[in-house]
């Protein structure tokens, strides 16, 4: 998870770059930023509690086997309300060495 919030709007796209030795179902979520000042540990606990309580926006994500190469996937945020969010994700591994290289939030302009 990222404990530093990012600004997401309906015009945002999340660019997720990773590699994985197997194709598997992953999960990614957006957790609305807390209005309270929190330490990094408190922020991580807050994110975990929101995920456990079902209070996060699920972003569909499935990792593809990439045989050592990085793959970039662009996620649409058109259904997300503008606000600040923490990003969280889960990748399942069976010793296939999944690795996240970058997560970037892009704004699409027309």
PDB file of N, CA and C in Angstrom:
ATOM      1  N   UNK A   1       0.835  -1.180   0.000  1.00  0.00           N
ATOM      2  CA  UNK A   1       0.000   0.000   0.000  1.00  0.00           C
ATOM      3  C   UNK A   1       0.875   1.237   0.000  1.00  0.00           C
ATOM      4  N   UNK A   2       0.297   2.330  -0.424  1.00  0.00           N
ATOM      5  CA  UNK A   2       0.967   3.630  -0.371  1.00  0.00           C
ATOM      6  C   UNK A   2       0.326   4.434   0.747  1.00  0.00           C
ATOM      7  N   UNK A   3       1.135   4.935   1.655  1.00  0.00           N
ATOM      8  CA  UNK A   3       0.573   5.714   2.765  1.00  0.00           C
ATOM      9  C   UNK A   3       0.568   7.206   2.464  1.00  0.00           C
ATOM     10  N   UNK A   4       1.016   7.568   1.271  1.00  0.00           N
ATOM     11  CA  UNK A   4       0.944   8.954   0.814  1.00  0.00           C
ATOM     12  C   UNK A   4      -0.225   9.032  -0.162  1.00  0.00           C
ATOM     13  N   UNK A   5      -1.220   9.871   0.126  1.00  0.00           N
ATOM     14  CA  UNK A   5      -2.399   9.923  -0.747  1.00  0.00           C
ATOM     15  C   UNK A   5      -2.096  10.593  -2.090  1.00  0.00           C
ATOM     16  N   UNK A   6      -2.897  10.230  -3.082  1.00  0.00           N
ATOM     17  CA  UNK A   6      -2.804  10.839  -4.409  1.00  0.00           C
ATOM     18  C   UNK A   6      -4.179  11.389  -4.782  1.00  0.00           C
ATOM     19  N   UNK A   7      -4.168  12.425  -5.586  1.00  0.00           N
ATOM     20  CA  UNK A   7      -5.421  13.037  -6.063  1.00  0.00           C
ATOM     21  C   UNK A   7      -5.916  12.237  -7.262  1.00  0.00           C
ATOM     22  N   UNK A   8      -7.158  11.763  -7.171  1.00  0.00           N
ATOM     23  CA  UNK A   8      -7.796  11.022  -8.256  1.00  0.00           C
ATOM     24  C   UNK A   8      -9.053  11.786  -8.667  1.00  0.00           C
ATOM     25  N   UNK A   9      -9.256  11.923  -9.976  1.00  0.00           N
ATOM     26  CA  UNK A   9     -10.472  12.530 -10.516  1.00  0.00           C
ATOM     27  C   UNK A   9     -11.043  11.565 -11.555  1.00  0.00           C
ATOM     28  N   UNK A  10     -12.252  11.810 -12.039  1.00  0.00           N
ATOM     29  CA  UNK A  10     -12.786  10.947 -13.105  1.00  0.00           C
ATOM     30  C   UNK A  10     -11.928  10.960 -14.373  1.00  0.00           C
ATOM     31  N   UNK A  11     -11.091  11.994 -14.542  1.00  0.00           N
ATOM     32  CA  UNK A  11     -10.214  12.070 -15.716  1.00  0.00           C
ATOM     33  C   UNK A  11      -8.870  11.378 -15.475  1.00  0.00           C
ATOM     34  N   UNK A  12      -8.684  10.815 -14.295  1.00  0.00           N
ATOM     35  CA  UNK A  12      -7.412  10.156 -13.968  1.00  0.00           C
ATOM     36  C   UNK A  12      -7.333   8.765 -14.571  1.00  0.00           C
ATOM     37  N   UNK A  13      -6.107   8.337 -14.781  1.00  0.00           N
ATOM     38  CA  UNK A  13      -5.796   6.963 -15.158  1.00  0.00           C
ATOM     39  C   UNK A  13      -4.649   6.524 -14.258  1.00  0.00           C
ATOM     40  N   UNK A  14      -4.678   5.281 -13.821  1.00  0.00           N
ATOM     41  CA  UNK A  14      -3.604   4.751 -12.985  1.00  0.00           C
ATOM     42  C   UNK A  14      -2.758   3.834 -13.862  1.00  0.00           C
ATOM     43  N   UNK A  15      -1.496   4.191 -14.024  1.00  0.00           N
ATOM     44  CA  UNK A  15      -0.552   3.393 -14.798  1.00  0.00           C
ATOM     45  C   UNK A  15       0.200   2.501 -13.820  1.00  0.00           C
ATOM     46  N   UNK A  16       0.038   1.206 -13.983  1.00  0.00           N
ATOM     47  CA  UNK A  16       0.594   0.202 -13.081  1.00  0.00           C
ATOM     48  C   UNK A  16       1.597  -0.618 -13.883  1.00  0.00           C
ATOM     49  N   UNK A  17       2.881  -0.571 -13.526  1.00  0.00           N
ATOM     50  CA  UNK A  17       3.920  -1.302 -14.240  1.00  0.00           C
ATOM     51  C   UNK A  17       4.477  -2.381 -13.320  1.00  0.00           C
ATOM     52  N   UNK A  18       4.476  -3.608 -13.795  1.00  0.00           N
ATOM     53  CA  UNK A  18       4.866  -4.738 -12.945  1.00  0.00           C
ATOM     54  C   UNK A  18       5.408  -5.875 -13.799  1.00  0.00           C
ATOM     55  N   UNK A  19       5.934  -6.878 -13.124  1.00  0.00           N
ATOM     56  CA  UNK A  19       6.243  -8.132 -13.804  1.00  0.00           C
ATOM     57  C   UNK A  19       5.830  -9.266 -12.881  1.00  0.00           C
ATOM     58  N   UNK A  20       5.525 -10.390 -13.479  1.00  0.00           N
ATOM     59  CA  UNK A  20       5.081 -11.553 -12.728  1.00  0.00           C
ATOM     60  C   UNK A  20       5.428 -12.807 -13.513  1.00  0.00           C
ATOM     61  N   UNK A  21       5.790 -13.853 -12.806  1.00  0.00           N
ATOM     62  CA  UNK A  21       6.120 -15.103 -13.462  1.00  0.00           C
ATOM     63  C   UNK A  21       4.909 -15.946 -13.784  1.00  0.00           C
ATOM     64  N   UNK A  22       3.709 -15.483 -13.417  1.00  0.00           N
ATOM     65  CA  UNK A  22       2.492 -16.252 -13.676  1.00  0.00           C
ATOM     66  C   UNK A  22       1.313 -15.318 -13.886  1.00  0.00           C
ATOM     67  N   UNK A  23       0.309 -15.806 -14.589  1.00  0.00           N
ATOM     68  CA  UNK A  23      -0.942 -15.068 -14.747  1.00  0.00           C
ATOM     69  C   UNK A  23      -1.814 -15.411 -13.559  1.00  0.00           C
ATOM     70  N   UNK A  24      -2.309 -14.397 -12.882  1.00  0.00           N
ATOM     71  CA  UNK A  24      -3.102 -14.619 -11.679  1.00  0.00           C
ATOM     72  C   UNK A  24      -4.015 -13.426 -11.444  1.00  0.00           C
ATOM     73  N   UNK A  25      -4.980 -13.613 -10.579  1.00  0.00           N
ATOM     74  CA  UNK A  25      -5.882 -12.535 -10.206  1.00  0.00           C
ATOM     75  C   UNK A  25      -5.218 -11.724  -9.105  1.00  0.00           C
ATOM     76  N   UNK A  26      -5.106 -10.429  -9.332  1.00  0.00           N
ATOM     77  CA  UNK A  26      -4.609  -9.526  -8.309  1.00  0.00           C
ATOM     78  C   UNK A  26      -5.756  -8.648  -7.860  1.00  0.00           C
ATOM     79  N   UNK A  27      -5.500  -7.781  -6.935  1.00  0.00           N
ATOM     80  CA  UNK A  27      -6.527  -6.844  -6.491  1.00  0.00           C
ATOM     81  C   UNK A  27      -5.872  -5.497  -6.243  1.00  0.00           C
ATOM     82  N   UNK A  28      -6.615  -4.427  -6.553  1.00  0.00           N
ATOM     83  CA  UNK A  28      -6.165  -3.082  -6.271  1.00  0.00           C
ATOM     84  C   UNK A  28      -7.367  -2.292  -5.764  1.00  0.00           C
ATOM     85  N   UNK A  29      -7.108  -1.385  -4.819  1.00  0.00           N
ATOM     86  CA  UNK A  29      -8.180  -0.589  -4.232  1.00  0.00           C
ATOM     87  C   UNK A  29      -7.763   0.857  -4.069  1.00  0.00           C
ATOM     88  N   UNK A  30      -8.766   1.718  -4.032  1.00  0.00           N
ATOM     89  CA  UNK A  30      -8.603   3.116  -3.659  1.00  0.00           C
ATOM     90  C   UNK A  30      -9.304   3.298  -2.326  1.00  0.00           C
ATOM     91  N   UNK A  31      -8.591   3.849  -1.356  1.00  0.00           N
ATOM     92  CA  UNK A  31      -9.143   4.105  -0.026  1.00  0.00           C
ATOM     93  C   UNK A  31      -9.141   5.615   0.183  1.00  0.00           C
ATOM     94  N   UNK A  32     -10.326   6.163   0.413  1.00  0.00           N
ATOM     95  CA  UNK A  32     -10.437   7.613   0.604  1.00  0.00           C
ATOM     96  C   UNK A  32      -9.560   8.067   1.776  1.00  0.00           C
ATOM     97  N   UNK A  33      -8.837   9.159   1.570  1.00  0.00           N
ATOM     98  CA  UNK A  33      -7.920   9.689   2.580  1.00  0.00           C
ATOM     99  C   UNK A  33      -8.675  10.058   3.850  1.00  0.00           C
ATOM    100  N   UNK A  34      -8.072   9.791   4.966  1.00  0.00           N
ATOM    101  CA  UNK A  34      -8.631  10.172   6.258  1.00  0.00           C
ATOM    102  C   UNK A  34      -8.494  11.681   6.435  1.00  0.00           C
ATOM    103  N   UNK A  35      -9.422  12.274   7.142  1.00  0.00           N
ATOM    104  CA  UNK A  35      -9.345  13.710   7.432  1.00  0.00           C
ATOM    105  C   UNK A  35      -8.462  13.986   8.646  1.00  0.00           C
ATOM    106  N   UNK A  36      -8.020  12.946   9.324  1.00  0.00           N
ATOM    107  CA  UNK A  36      -7.186  13.090  10.519  1.00  0.00           C
ATOM    108  C   UNK A  36      -5.710  13.041  10.156  1.00  0.00           C
ATOM    109  N   UNK A  37      -4.890  13.714  10.951  1.00  0.00           N
ATOM    110  CA  UNK A  37      -3.439  13.601  10.829  1.00  0.00           C
ATOM    111  C   UNK A  37      -3.037  12.278  11.470  1.00  0.00           C
ATOM    112  N   UNK A  38      -2.284  11.450  10.765  1.00  0.00           N
ATOM    113  CA  UNK A  38      -1.894  10.152  11.295  1.00  0.00           C
ATOM    114  C   UNK A  38      -0.432   9.875  11.000  1.00  0.00           C
ATOM    115  N   UNK A  39       0.184   9.070  11.837  1.00  0.00           N
ATOM    116  CA  UNK A  39       1.547   8.614  11.602  1.00  0.00           C
ATOM    117  C   UNK A  39       1.513   7.591  10.465  1.00  0.00           C
ATOM    118  N   UNK A  40       2.664   7.234   9.906  1.00  0.00           N
ATOM    119  CA  UNK A  40       2.673   6.190   8.871  1.00  0.00           C
ATOM    120  C   UNK A  40       2.046   4.876   9.352  1.00  0.00           C
ATOM    121  N   UNK A  41       2.335   4.469  10.579  1.00  0.00           N
ATOM    122  CA  UNK A  41       1.753   3.221  11.105  1.00  0.00           C
ATOM    123  C   UNK A  41       0.240   3.339  11.262  1.00  0.00           C
ATOM    124  N   UNK A  42      -0.231   4.480  11.732  1.00  0.00           N
ATOM    125  CA  UNK A  42      -1.681   4.697  11.883  1.00  0.00           C
ATOM    126  C   UNK A  42      -2.362   4.728  10.517  1.00  0.00           C
ATOM    127  N   UNK A  43      -1.693   5.321   9.519  1.00  0.00           N
ATOM    128  CA  UNK A  43      -2.246   5.363   8.167  1.00  0.00           C
ATOM    129  C   UNK A  43      -2.369   3.956   7.598  1.00  0.00           C
ATOM    130  N   UNK A  44      -1.338   3.141   7.778  1.00  0.00           N
ATOM    131  CA  UNK A  44      -1.381   1.753   7.298  1.00  0.00           C
ATOM    132  C   UNK A  44      -2.510   0.990   7.981  1.00  0.00           C
ATOM    133  N   UNK A  45      -2.681   1.185   9.269  1.00  0.00           N
ATOM    134  CA  UNK A  45      -3.766   0.522  10.004  1.00  0.00           C
ATOM    135  C   UNK A  45      -5.124   1.006   9.485  1.00  0.00           C
ATOM    136  N   UNK A  46      -5.259   2.316   9.242  1.00  0.00           N
ATOM    137  CA  UNK A  46      -6.495   2.895   8.712  1.00  0.00           C
ATOM    138  C   UNK A  46      -6.836   2.252   7.359  1.00  0.00           C
ATOM    139  N   UNK A  47      -5.849   2.156   6.459  1.00  0.00           N
ATOM    140  CA  UNK A  47      -6.073   1.548   5.142  1.00  0.00           C
ATOM    141  C   UNK A  47      -6.514   0.100   5.304  1.00  0.00           C
ATOM    142  N   UNK A  48      -5.820  -0.644   6.151  1.00  0.00           N
ATOM    143  CA  UNK A  48      -6.174  -2.048   6.385  1.00  0.00           C
ATOM    144  C   UNK A  48      -7.608  -2.177   6.915  1.00  0.00           C
ATOM    145  N   UNK A  49      -7.986  -1.319   7.854  1.00  0.00           N
ATOM    146  CA  UNK A  49      -9.343  -1.365   8.416  1.00  0.00           C
ATOM    147  C   UNK A  49     -10.388  -1.063   7.351  1.00  0.00           C
ATOM    148  N   UNK A  50     -10.125  -0.098   6.480  1.00  0.00           N
ATOM    149  CA  UNK A  50     -11.074   0.234   5.413  1.00  0.00           C
ATOM    150  C   UNK A  50     -11.201  -0.930   4.419  1.00  0.00           C
ATOM    151  N   UNK A  51     -10.085  -1.577   4.109  1.00  0.00           N
ATOM    152  CA  UNK A  51     -10.135  -2.734   3.215  1.00  0.00           C
ATOM    153  C   UNK A  51     -10.910  -3.878   3.858  1.00  0.00           C
ATOM    154  N   UNK A  52     -10.615  -4.153   5.120  1.00  0.00           N
ATOM    155  CA  UNK A  52     -11.292  -5.242   5.842  1.00  0.00           C
ATOM    156  C   UNK A  52     -12.780  -4.979   5.996  1.00  0.00           C
ATOM    157  N   UNK A  53     -13.145  -3.708   6.129  1.00  0.00           N
ATOM    158  CA  UNK A  53     -14.544  -3.334   6.303  1.00  0.00           C
ATOM    159  C   UNK A  53     -15.298  -3.143   5.002  1.00  0.00           C
ATOM    160  N   UNK A  54     -14.648  -3.370   3.869  1.00  0.00           N
ATOM    161  CA  UNK A  54     -15.323  -3.212   2.580  1.00  0.00           C
ATOM    162  C   UNK A  54     -15.568  -1.768   2.199  1.00  0.00           C
ATOM    163  N   UNK A  55     -14.792  -0.845   2.778  1.00  0.00           N
ATOM    164  CA  UNK A  55     -14.989   0.585   2.525  1.00  0.00           C
ATOM    165  C   UNK A  55     -13.938   1.135   1.558  1.00  0.00           C
ATOM    166  N   UNK A  56     -13.634   0.386   0.521  1.00  0.00           N
ATOM    167  CA  UNK A  56     -12.663   0.814  -0.478  1.00  0.00           C
ATOM    168  C   UNK A  56     -13.253   0.586  -1.864  1.00  0.00           C
ATOM    169  N   UNK A  57     -12.755   1.319  -2.833  1.00  0.00           N
ATOM    170  CA  UNK A  57     -13.193   1.162  -4.217  1.00  0.00           C
ATOM    171  C   UNK A  57     -12.291   0.124  -4.871  1.00  0.00           C
ATOM    172  N   UNK A  58     -12.884  -0.924  -5.360  1.00  0.00           N
ATOM    173  CA  UNK A  58     -12.134  -1.987  -6.021  1.00  0.00           C
ATOM    174  C   UNK A  58     -11.814  -1.582  -7.452  1.00  0.00           C
ATOM    175  N   UNK A  59     -10.569  -1.778  -7.843  1.00  0.00           N
ATOM    176  CA  UNK A  59     -10.126  -1.526  -9.209  1.00  0.00           C
ATOM    177  C   UNK A  59      -9.747  -2.888  -9.787  1.00  0.00           C
ATOM    178  N   UNK A  60     -10.473  -3.375 -10.781  1.00  0.00           N
ATOM    179  CA  UNK A  60     -10.170  -4.704 -11.336  1.00  0.00           C
ATOM    180  C   UNK A  60      -8.725  -4.793 -11.814  1.00  0.00           C
ATOM    181  N   UNK A  61      -8.070  -5.874 -11.430  1.00  0.00           N
ATOM    182  CA  UNK A  61      -6.675  -6.051 -11.813  1.00  0.00           C
ATOM    183  C   UNK A  61      -6.344  -7.532 -11.880  1.00  0.00           C
ATOM    184  N   UNK A  62      -5.768  -7.948 -12.955  1.00  0.00           N
ATOM    185  CA  UNK A  62      -5.283  -9.316 -13.094  1.00  0.00           C
ATOM    186  C   UNK A  62      -3.872  -9.259 -13.619  1.00  0.00           C
ATOM    187  N   UNK A  63      -2.949  -9.913 -12.938  1.00  0.00           N
ATOM    188  CA  UNK A  63      -1.564  -9.885 -13.399  1.00  0.00           C
ATOM    189  C   UNK A  63      -1.364 -10.922 -14.501  1.00  0.00           C
ATOM    190  N   UNK A  64      -0.591 -10.542 -15.494  1.00  0.00           N
ATOM    191  CA  UNK A  64      -0.268 -11.426 -16.609  1.00  0.00           C
ATOM    192  C   UNK A  64       1.154 -11.935 -16.425  1.00  0.00           C
ATOM    193  N   UNK A  65       1.383 -13.176 -16.774  1.00  0.00           N
ATOM    194  CA  UNK A  65       2.742 -13.695 -16.755  1.00  0.00           C
ATOM    195  C   UNK A  65       3.579 -12.937 -17.771  1.00  0.00           C
ATOM    196  N   UNK A  66       4.741 -12.471 -17.357  1.00  0.00           N
ATOM    197  CA  UNK A  66       5.510 -11.604 -18.240  1.00  0.00           C
ATOM    198  C   UNK A  66       6.921 -12.108 -18.525  1.00  0.00           C
ATOM    199  N   UNK A  67       7.276 -13.278 -18.040  1.00  0.00           N
ATOM    200  CA  UNK A  67       8.555 -13.917 -18.316  1.00  0.00           C
ATOM    201  C   UNK A  67       9.722 -12.930 -18.170  1.00  0.00           C
ATOM    202  N   UNK A  68       9.762 -12.238 -17.056  1.00  0.00           N
ATOM    203  CA  UNK A  68      10.881 -11.341 -16.768  1.00  0.00           C
ATOM    204  C   UNK A  68      10.772  -9.944 -17.328  1.00  0.00           C
ATOM    205  N   UNK A  69       9.809  -9.685 -18.196  1.00  0.00           N
ATOM    206  CA  UNK A  69       9.624  -8.347 -18.759  1.00  0.00           C
ATOM    207  C   UNK A  69       8.552  -7.602 -17.970  1.00  0.00           C
ATOM    208  N   UNK A  70       8.657  -6.280 -17.957  1.00  0.00           N
ATOM    209  CA  UNK A  70       7.643  -5.472 -17.288  1.00  0.00           C
ATOM    210  C   UNK A  70       6.463  -5.218 -18.216  1.00  0.00           C
ATOM    211  N   UNK A  71       5.284  -5.177 -17.634  1.00  0.00           N
ATOM    212  CA  UNK A  71       4.040  -4.902 -18.347  1.00  0.00           C
ATOM    213  C   UNK A  71       3.443  -3.641 -17.729  1.00  0.00           C
ATOM    214  N   UNK A  72       2.883  -2.769 -18.555  1.00  0.00           N
ATOM    215  CA  UNK A  72       2.189  -1.584 -18.060  1.00  0.00           C
ATOM    216  C   UNK A  72       0.712  -1.699 -18.392  1.00  0.00           C
ATOM    217  N   UNK A  73      -0.123  -1.414 -17.406  1.00  0.00           N
ATOM    218  CA  UNK A  73      -1.567  -1.482 -17.557  1.00  0.00           C
ATOM    219  C   UNK A  73      -2.137  -0.126 -17.142  1.00  0.00           C
ATOM    220  N   UNK A  74      -3.072   0.390 -17.924  1.00  0.00           N
ATOM    221  CA  UNK A  74      -3.686   1.682 -17.642  1.00  0.00           C
ATOM    222  C   UNK A  74      -5.109   1.453 -17.151  1.00  0.00           C
ATOM    223  N   UNK A  75      -5.401   1.870 -15.910  1.00  0.00           N
ATOM    224  CA  UNK A  75      -6.718   1.684 -15.310  1.00  0.00           C
ATOM    225  C   UNK A  75      -7.517   2.982 -15.395  1.00  0.00           C
ATOM    226  N   UNK A  76      -8.749   2.870 -15.834  1.00  0.00           N
ATOM    227  CA  UNK A  76      -9.666   3.999 -15.975  1.00  0.00           C
ATOM    228  C   UNK A  76     -10.281   4.353 -14.621  1.00  0.00           C
ATOM    229  N   UNK A  77     -10.422   5.641 -14.332  1.00  0.00           N
ATOM    230  CA  UNK A  77     -11.014   6.093 -13.060  1.00  0.00           C
ATOM    231  C   UNK A  77     -12.283   6.911 -13.283  1.00  0.00           C
ATOM    232  N   UNK A  78     -12.921   6.757 -14.444  1.00  0.00           N
ATOM    233  CA  UNK A  78     -14.066   7.608 -14.779  1.00  0.00           C
ATOM    234  C   UNK A  78     -15.228   7.464 -13.795  1.00  0.00           C
ATOM    235  N   UNK A  79     -15.328   6.357 -13.085  1.00  0.00           N
ATOM    236  CA  UNK A  79     -16.410   6.173 -12.121  1.00  0.00           C
ATOM    237  C   UNK A  79     -16.047   6.551 -10.698  1.00  0.00           C
ATOM    238  N   UNK A  80     -14.894   7.187 -10.517  1.00  0.00           N
ATOM    239  CA  UNK A  80     -14.403   7.527  -9.177  1.00  0.00           C
ATOM    240  C   UNK A  80     -14.627   9.008  -8.900  1.00  0.00           C
ATOM    241  N   UNK A  81     -15.144   9.319  -7.728  1.00  0.00           N
ATOM    242  CA  UNK A  81     -15.345  10.716  -7.329  1.00  0.00           C
ATOM    243  C   UNK A  81     -13.998  11.380  -7.074  1.00  0.00           C
ATOM    244  N   UNK A  82     -13.893  12.652  -7.451  1.00  0.00           N
ATOM    245  CA  UNK A  82     -12.654  13.394  -7.230  1.00  0.00           C
ATOM    246  C   UNK A  82     -12.384  13.530  -5.736  1.00  0.00           C
ATOM    247  N   UNK A  83     -11.196  13.121  -5.323  1.00  0.00           N
ATOM    248  CA  UNK A  83     -10.797  13.194  -3.921  1.00  0.00           C
ATOM    249  C   UNK A  83      -9.359  12.701  -3.812  1.00  0.00           C
ATOM    250  N   UNK A  84      -8.848  12.678  -2.597  1.00  0.00           N
ATOM    251  CA  UNK A  84      -7.535  12.105  -2.348  1.00  0.00           C
ATOM    252  C   UNK A  84      -7.712  10.680  -1.840  1.00  0.00           C
ATOM    253  N   UNK A  85      -6.903   9.777  -2.359  1.00  0.00           N
ATOM    254  CA  UNK A  85      -7.014   8.356  -2.033  1.00  0.00           C
ATOM    255  C   UNK A  85      -5.637   7.772  -1.740  1.00  0.00           C
ATOM    256  N   UNK A  86      -5.661   6.729  -0.923  1.00  0.00           N
ATOM    257  CA  UNK A  86      -4.487   5.873  -0.758  1.00  0.00           C
ATOM    258  C   UNK A  86      -4.670   4.717  -1.735  1.00  0.00           C
ATOM    259  N   UNK A  87      -3.577   4.244  -2.320  1.00  0.00           N
ATOM    260  CA  UNK A  87      -3.620   3.084  -3.201  1.00  0.00           C
ATOM    261  C   UNK A  87      -3.181   1.853  -2.424  1.00  0.00           C
ATOM    262  N   UNK A  88      -3.872   0.761  -2.633  1.00  0.00           N
ATOM    263  CA  UNK A  88      -3.500  -0.509  -2.009  1.00  0.00           C
ATOM    264  C   UNK A  88      -3.684  -1.603  -3.044  1.00  0.00           C
ATOM    265  N   UNK A  89      -2.878  -2.644  -2.972  1.00  0.00           N
ATOM    266  CA  UNK A  89      -3.001  -3.744  -3.919  1.00  0.00           C
ATOM    267  C   UNK A  89      -2.532  -5.033  -3.281  1.00  0.00           C
ATOM    268  N   UNK A  90      -2.937  -6.123  -3.914  1.00  0.00           N
ATOM    269  CA  UNK A  90      -2.532  -7.449  -3.460  1.00  0.00           C
ATOM    270  C   UNK A  90      -2.146  -8.268  -4.681  1.00  0.00           C
ATOM    271  N   UNK A  91      -1.021  -8.912  -4.568  1.00  0.00           N
ATOM    272  CA  UNK A  91      -0.582  -9.844  -5.613  1.00  0.00           C
ATOM    273  C   UNK A  91      -0.309 -11.173  -4.928  1.00  0.00           C
ATOM    274  N   UNK A  92      -0.791 -12.233  -5.517  1.00  0.00           N
ATOM    275  CA  UNK A  92      -0.592 -13.566  -4.962  1.00  0.00           C
ATOM    276  C   UNK A  92       0.657 -14.154  -5.594  1.00  0.00           C
ATOM    277  N   UNK A  93       1.472 -14.793  -4.792  1.00  0.00           N
ATOM    278  CA  UNK A  93       2.674 -15.390  -5.345  1.00  0.00           C
ATOM    279  C   UNK A  93       2.825 -16.843  -4.917  1.00  0.00           C
ATOM    280  N   UNK A  94       3.305 -17.633  -5.821  1.00  0.00           N
ATOM    281  CA  UNK A  94       3.690 -19.008  -5.516  1.00  0.00           C
ATOM    282  C   UNK A  94       5.138 -19.154  -5.983  1.00  0.00           C
ATOM    283  N   UNK A  95       5.955 -18.216  -5.510  1.00  0.00           N
ATOM    284  CA  UNK A  95       7.370 -18.107  -5.896  1.00  0.00           C
ATOM    285  C   UNK A  95       7.551 -17.703  -7.352  1.00  0.00           C
ATOM    286  N   UNK A  96       6.600 -16.925  -7.890  1.00  0.00           N
ATOM    287  CA  UNK A  96       6.710 -16.435  -9.258  1.00  0.00           C
ATOM    288  C   UNK A  96       7.292 -15.027  -9.302  1.00  0.00           C
ATOM    289  N   UNK A  97       7.690 -14.514  -8.167  1.00  0.00           N
ATOM    290  CA  UNK A  97       8.386 -13.229  -8.056  1.00  0.00           C
ATOM    291  C   UNK A  97       7.650 -12.041  -8.653  1.00  0.00           C
ATOM    292  N   UNK A  98       6.400 -11.775  -8.250  1.00  0.00           N
ATOM    293  CA  UNK A  98       5.758 -10.558  -8.757  1.00  0.00           C
ATOM    294  C   UNK A  98       6.491  -9.337  -8.206  1.00  0.00           C
ATOM    295  N   UNK A  99       6.649  -8.312  -9.040  1.00  0.00           N
ATOM    296  CA  UNK A  99       7.337  -7.105  -8.614  1.00  0.00           C
ATOM    297  C   UNK A  99       6.676  -5.890  -9.244  1.00  0.00           C
ATOM    298  N   UNK A 100       6.384  -4.903  -8.429  1.00  0.00           N
ATOM    299  CA  UNK A 100       5.820  -3.648  -8.914  1.00  0.00           C
ATOM    300  C   UNK A 100       6.976  -2.698  -9.189  1.00  0.00           C
ATOM    301  N   UNK A 101       6.999  -2.166 -10.392  1.00  0.00           N
ATOM    302  CA  UNK A 101       8.065  -1.220 -10.755  1.00  0.00           C
ATOM    303  C   UNK A 101       7.618   0.219 -10.539  1.00  0.00           C
ATOM    304  N   UNK A 102       6.380   0.526 -10.901  1.00  0.00           N
ATOM    305  CA  UNK A 102       5.897   1.910 -10.787  1.00  0.00           C
ATOM    306  C   UNK A 102       4.382   1.938 -10.744  1.00  0.00           C
ATOM    307  N   UNK A 103       3.868   2.912 -10.013  1.00  0.00           N
ATOM    308  CA  UNK A 103       2.447   3.225 -10.005  1.00  0.00           C
ATOM    309  C   UNK A 103       2.378   4.741 -10.197  1.00  0.00           C
ATOM    310  N   UNK A 104       1.735   5.177 -11.277  1.00  0.00           N
ATOM    311  CA  UNK A 104       1.631   6.593 -11.576  1.00  0.00           C
ATOM    312  C   UNK A 104       0.181   6.971 -11.819  1.00  0.00           C
ATOM    313  N   UNK A 105      -0.199   8.143 -11.354  1.00  0.00           N
ATOM    314  CA  UNK A 105      -1.534   8.666 -11.619  1.00  0.00           C
ATOM    315  C   UNK A 105      -1.386   9.731 -12.701  1.00  0.00           C
ATOM    316  N   UNK A 106      -2.117   9.519 -13.799  1.00  0.00           N
ATOM    317  CA  UNK A 106      -2.059  10.436 -14.949  1.00  0.00           C
ATOM    318  C   UNK A 106      -3.402  11.128 -15.097  1.00  0.00           C
ATOM    319  N   UNK A 107      -3.384  12.383 -15.519  1.00  0.00           N
ATOM    320  CA  UNK A 107      -4.624  13.103 -15.820  1.00  0.00           C
ATOM    321  C   UNK A 107      -4.782  13.173 -17.333  1.00  0.00           C
ATOM    322  N   UNK A 108      -5.908  12.731 -17.822  1.00  0.00           N
ATOM    323  CA  UNK A 108      -6.174  12.756 -19.258  1.00  0.00           C
ATOM    324  C   UNK A 108      -6.927  14.034 -19.580  1.00  0.00           C
ATOM    325  N   UNK A 109      -6.404  14.775 -20.537  1.00  0.00           N
ATOM    326  CA  UNK A 109      -7.077  16.008 -20.975  1.00  0.00           C
ATOM    327  C   UNK A 109      -7.537  15.826 -22.407  1.00  0.00           C
ATOM    328  N   UNK A 110      -8.639  16.466 -22.740  1.00  0.00           N
ATOM    329  CA  UNK A 110      -9.152  16.347 -24.110  1.00  0.00           C
ATOM    330  C   UNK A 110      -9.047  17.659 -24.836  1.00  0.00           C
TER     331      UNK A 110
END
